[in-house]
Amino acid sequence: MVGAAISDNQTMTKSKASILVIDDEPDLRLLYELTLLREGYAVESAECVQQARDKLAQSCFDVVLTDMRLPDGMGMEILQDLQ
């Protein structure tokens, strides 16, 4: 699992931070979601590169956490798109 902070907001608080979790394994994705939600983060998830790109086109996220190997590509592709 790799991640990147993509917000310019240096004073980000947990209640306002939004996180996109990308993982093709439903059990892991759910575990990450529940853990982050319990900590007060706003969380959305995707199970593949294309779904992640669609969500990134629709919303802004403060952090993206992604699995390295996904069914339709590599998680690093998503992080490179964000640079």
N, C-alpha and C. Protein backbone atom coordinates (compact mmCIF):
# COMPACT_ATOMS: atom_id res chain seq x y z
N MET A 1 0.85 -1.16 0.00
CA MET A 1 0.00 0.00 0.00
C MET A 1 0.89 1.22 0.00
N VAL A 2 0.67 2.12 -0.93
CA VAL A 2 1.41 3.38 -0.99
C VAL A 2 0.40 4.51 -0.96
N GLY A 3 0.88 5.68 -0.66
CA GLY A 3 -0.05 6.79 -0.58
C GLY A 3 0.62 8.10 -0.91
N ALA A 4 -0.23 9.10 -1.10
CA ALA A 4 0.26 10.45 -1.37
C ALA A 4 -0.72 11.45 -0.81
N ALA A 5 -0.19 12.48 -0.20
CA ALA A 5 -1.02 13.60 0.23
C ALA A 5 -1.09 14.55 -0.95
N ILE A 6 -2.29 14.95 -1.33
CA ILE A 6 -2.43 15.77 -2.52
C ILE A 6 -3.08 17.11 -2.23
N SER A 7 -3.29 17.43 -0.97
CA SER A 7 -3.90 18.70 -0.61
C SER A 7 -2.83 19.73 -0.30
N ASP A 8 -3.11 20.99 -0.61
CA ASP A 8 -2.22 22.08 -0.26
C ASP A 8 -2.51 22.60 1.14
N ASN A 9 -3.57 22.13 1.77
CA ASN A 9 -3.99 22.61 3.07
C ASN A 9 -3.11 22.02 4.16
N GLN A 10 -2.21 22.82 4.73
CA GLN A 10 -1.28 22.34 5.76
C GLN A 10 -1.96 22.16 7.10
N THR A 11 -3.14 22.76 7.31
CA THR A 11 -3.82 22.67 8.59
C THR A 11 -4.99 21.69 8.53
N MET A 12 -4.87 20.66 7.73
CA MET A 12 -5.91 19.66 7.55
C MET A 12 -6.23 18.99 8.88
N THR A 13 -7.51 18.88 9.21
CA THR A 13 -7.91 18.17 10.42
C THR A 13 -8.55 16.86 10.03
N LYS A 14 -8.55 15.91 10.98
CA LYS A 14 -9.09 14.59 10.68
C LYS A 14 -10.55 14.66 10.25
N SER A 15 -11.34 15.53 10.87
CA SER A 15 -12.76 15.59 10.54
C SER A 15 -13.01 16.12 9.14
N LYS A 16 -12.03 16.83 8.58
CA LYS A 16 -12.20 17.40 7.25
C LYS A 16 -11.39 16.68 6.19
N ALA A 17 -10.46 15.84 6.58
CA ALA A 17 -9.60 15.16 5.61
C ALA A 17 -10.39 14.11 4.85
N SER A 18 -10.25 14.13 3.54
CA SER A 18 -10.91 13.11 2.72
C SER A 18 -9.85 12.19 2.12
N ILE A 19 -10.14 10.91 2.16
CA ILE A 19 -9.17 9.89 1.74
C ILE A 19 -9.81 8.97 0.71
N LEU A 20 -9.08 8.71 -0.36
CA LEU A 20 -9.49 7.71 -1.35
C LEU A 20 -8.64 6.47 -1.13
N VAL A 21 -9.31 5.35 -0.87
CA VAL A 21 -8.65 4.06 -0.67
C VAL A 21 -8.86 3.23 -1.94
N ILE A 22 -7.77 2.73 -2.51
CA ILE A 22 -7.86 1.95 -3.74
C ILE A 22 -7.24 0.57 -3.49
N ASP A 23 -8.08 -0.45 -3.53
CA ASP A 23 -7.60 -1.82 -3.33
C ASP A 23 -8.61 -2.77 -3.97
N ASP A 24 -8.11 -3.77 -4.67
CA ASP A 24 -9.00 -4.70 -5.35
C ASP A 24 -9.49 -5.83 -4.44
N GLU A 25 -8.93 -5.95 -3.26
CA GLU A 25 -9.39 -6.99 -2.33
C GLU A 25 -10.44 -6.40 -1.41
N PRO A 26 -11.70 -6.85 -1.55
CA PRO A 26 -12.81 -6.26 -0.79
C PRO A 26 -12.60 -6.26 0.72
N ASP A 27 -12.05 -7.33 1.28
CA ASP A 27 -11.85 -7.39 2.73
C ASP A 27 -10.86 -6.34 3.21
N LEU A 28 -9.76 -6.17 2.50
CA LEU A 28 -8.77 -5.15 2.88
C LEU A 28 -9.33 -3.75 2.69
N ARG A 29 -10.03 -3.54 1.59
CA ARG A 29 -10.62 -2.23 1.31
C ARG A 29 -11.59 -1.85 2.43
N LEU A 30 -12.42 -2.79 2.84
CA LEU A 30 -13.38 -2.54 3.92
C LEU A 30 -12.66 -2.28 5.24
N LEU A 31 -11.62 -3.02 5.53
CA LEU A 31 -10.85 -2.82 6.76
C LEU A 31 -10.26 -1.41 6.79
N TYR A 32 -9.65 -0.98 5.70
CA TYR A 32 -9.08 0.37 5.63
C TYR A 32 -10.18 1.42 5.80
N GLU A 33 -11.29 1.23 5.10
CA GLU A 33 -12.40 2.18 5.18
C GLU A 33 -12.92 2.32 6.62
N LEU A 34 -13.21 1.19 7.24
CA LEU A 34 -13.77 1.23 8.60
C LEU A 34 -12.80 1.84 9.60
N THR A 35 -11.54 1.51 9.48
CA THR A 35 -10.53 2.06 10.38
C THR A 35 -10.44 3.58 10.22
N LEU A 36 -10.40 4.06 9.00
CA LEU A 36 -10.28 5.49 8.75
C LEU A 36 -11.56 6.24 9.14
N LEU A 37 -12.71 5.65 8.86
CA LEU A 37 -13.98 6.26 9.26
C LEU A 37 -14.07 6.40 10.77
N ARG A 38 -13.65 5.37 11.47
CA ARG A 38 -13.68 5.37 12.94
C ARG A 38 -12.77 6.49 13.49
N GLU A 39 -11.73 6.83 12.75
CA GLU A 39 -10.82 7.89 13.17
C GLU A 39 -11.30 9.28 12.76
N GLY A 40 -12.44 9.34 12.08
CA GLY A 40 -13.04 10.63 11.74
C GLY A 40 -12.77 11.14 10.34
N TYR A 41 -12.15 10.34 9.50
CA TYR A 41 -11.87 10.76 8.13
C TYR A 41 -13.08 10.51 7.23
N ALA A 42 -13.22 11.31 6.19
CA ALA A 42 -14.19 11.06 5.13
C ALA A 42 -13.50 10.12 4.15
N VAL A 43 -14.12 8.98 3.85
CA VAL A 43 -13.45 7.95 3.05
C VAL A 43 -14.33 7.54 1.87
N GLU A 44 -13.70 7.42 0.72
CA GLU A 44 -14.32 6.79 -0.45
C GLU A 44 -13.36 5.71 -0.91
N SER A 45 -13.88 4.76 -1.68
CA SER A 45 -13.00 3.68 -2.12
C SER A 45 -13.23 3.35 -3.58
N ALA A 46 -12.22 2.70 -4.15
CA ALA A 46 -12.26 2.24 -5.54
C ALA A 46 -11.56 0.89 -5.58
N GLU A 47 -11.96 0.07 -6.55
CA GLU A 47 -11.36 -1.27 -6.64
C GLU A 47 -10.44 -1.46 -7.83
N CYS A 48 -10.30 -0.41 -8.66
CA CYS A 48 -9.42 -0.53 -9.82
C CYS A 48 -8.96 0.86 -10.25
N VAL A 49 -8.00 0.91 -11.15
CA VAL A 49 -7.43 2.17 -11.62
C VAL A 49 -8.51 3.05 -12.25
N GLN A 50 -9.33 2.48 -13.12
CA GLN A 50 -10.33 3.29 -13.81
C GLN A 50 -11.35 3.87 -12.83
N GLN A 51 -11.79 3.08 -11.89
CA GLN A 51 -12.74 3.58 -10.89
C GLN A 51 -12.10 4.69 -10.05
N ALA A 52 -10.84 4.54 -9.72
CA ALA A 52 -10.12 5.57 -8.97
C ALA A 52 -10.03 6.86 -9.79
N ARG A 53 -9.69 6.74 -11.05
CA ARG A 53 -9.60 7.92 -11.92
C ARG A 53 -10.94 8.63 -12.02
N ASP A 54 -12.02 7.85 -12.12
CA ASP A 54 -13.37 8.44 -12.17
C ASP A 54 -13.66 9.22 -10.89
N LYS A 55 -13.34 8.64 -9.74
CA LYS A 55 -13.59 9.32 -8.47
C LYS A 55 -12.72 10.56 -8.32
N LEU A 56 -11.47 10.49 -8.78
CA LEU A 56 -10.59 11.65 -8.71
C LEU A 56 -11.06 12.76 -9.64
N ALA A 57 -11.71 12.42 -10.73
CA ALA A 57 -12.24 13.43 -11.64
C ALA A 57 -13.47 14.13 -11.05
N GLN A 58 -14.18 13.42 -10.17
CA GLN A 58 -15.41 13.95 -9.58
C GLN A 58 -15.19 14.69 -8.27
N SER A 59 -14.15 14.32 -7.52
CA SER A 59 -13.95 14.87 -6.17
C SER A 59 -12.48 15.15 -5.92
N CYS A 60 -12.23 15.99 -4.93
CA CYS A 60 -10.87 16.26 -4.47
C CYS A 60 -10.62 15.47 -3.20
N PHE A 61 -9.45 14.89 -3.08
CA PHE A 61 -9.08 14.12 -1.91
C PHE A 61 -7.80 14.69 -1.33
N ASP A 62 -7.70 14.64 -0.01
CA ASP A 62 -6.49 15.10 0.66
C ASP A 62 -5.39 14.05 0.61
N VAL A 63 -5.81 12.77 0.61
CA VAL A 63 -4.85 11.65 0.62
C VAL A 63 -5.39 10.54 -0.27
N VAL A 64 -4.49 9.89 -0.98
CA VAL A 64 -4.83 8.71 -1.77
C VAL A 64 -3.95 7.56 -1.29
N LEU A 65 -4.59 6.47 -0.86
CA LEU A 65 -3.88 5.25 -0.47
C LEU A 65 -4.21 4.20 -1.51
N THR A 66 -3.19 3.60 -2.10
CA THR A 66 -3.45 2.64 -3.17
C THR A 66 -2.61 1.38 -3.05
N ASP A 67 -3.22 0.29 -3.45
CA ASP A 67 -2.52 -0.97 -3.62
C ASP A 67 -1.60 -0.81 -4.82
N MET A 68 -0.52 -1.55 -4.85
CA MET A 68 0.41 -1.43 -5.98
C MET A 68 -0.10 -2.12 -7.23
N ARG A 69 -0.62 -3.33 -7.07
CA ARG A 69 -1.10 -4.10 -8.23
C ARG A 69 -2.61 -4.17 -8.20
N LEU A 70 -3.20 -3.67 -9.27
CA LEU A 70 -4.66 -3.65 -9.41
C LEU A 70 -5.03 -4.39 -10.69
N PRO A 71 -6.28 -4.81 -10.82
CA PRO A 71 -6.66 -5.63 -11.99
C PRO A 71 -6.41 -4.97 -13.34
N ASP A 72 -6.52 -3.65 -13.38
CA ASP A 72 -6.38 -2.96 -14.67
C ASP A 72 -5.17 -2.04 -14.74
N GLY A 73 -4.19 -2.26 -13.87
CA GLY A 73 -2.98 -1.44 -13.92
C GLY A 73 -2.28 -1.40 -12.58
N MET A 74 -1.41 -0.42 -12.45
CA MET A 74 -0.61 -0.28 -11.24
C MET A 74 -1.04 0.95 -10.46
N GLY A 75 -1.02 0.84 -9.14
CA GLY A 75 -1.38 1.96 -8.29
C GLY A 75 -0.50 3.17 -8.51
N MET A 76 0.75 2.95 -8.86
CA MET A 76 1.67 4.07 -9.10
C MET A 76 1.20 4.94 -10.27
N GLU A 77 0.45 4.37 -11.22
CA GLU A 77 -0.08 5.16 -12.32
C GLU A 77 -0.97 6.27 -11.80
N ILE A 78 -1.76 5.94 -10.80
CA ILE A 78 -2.70 6.92 -10.23
C ILE A 78 -1.91 8.04 -9.56
N LEU A 79 -0.90 7.66 -8.79
CA LEU A 79 -0.10 8.67 -8.10
C LEU A 79 0.66 9.54 -9.08
N GLN A 80 1.14 8.95 -10.18
CA GLN A 80 1.83 9.74 -11.21
C GLN A 80 0.86 10.71 -11.89
N ASP A 81 -0.38 10.28 -12.07
CA ASP A 81 -1.39 11.17 -12.66
C ASP A 81 -1.61 12.41 -11.80
N LEU A 82 -1.43 12.27 -10.50
CA LEU A 82 -1.70 13.37 -9.56
C LEU A 82 -0.57 14.38 -9.50
N GLN A 83 0.60 14.04 -9.98
CA GLN A 83 1.74 14.96 -9.89
C GLN A 83 1.61 16.14 -10.81
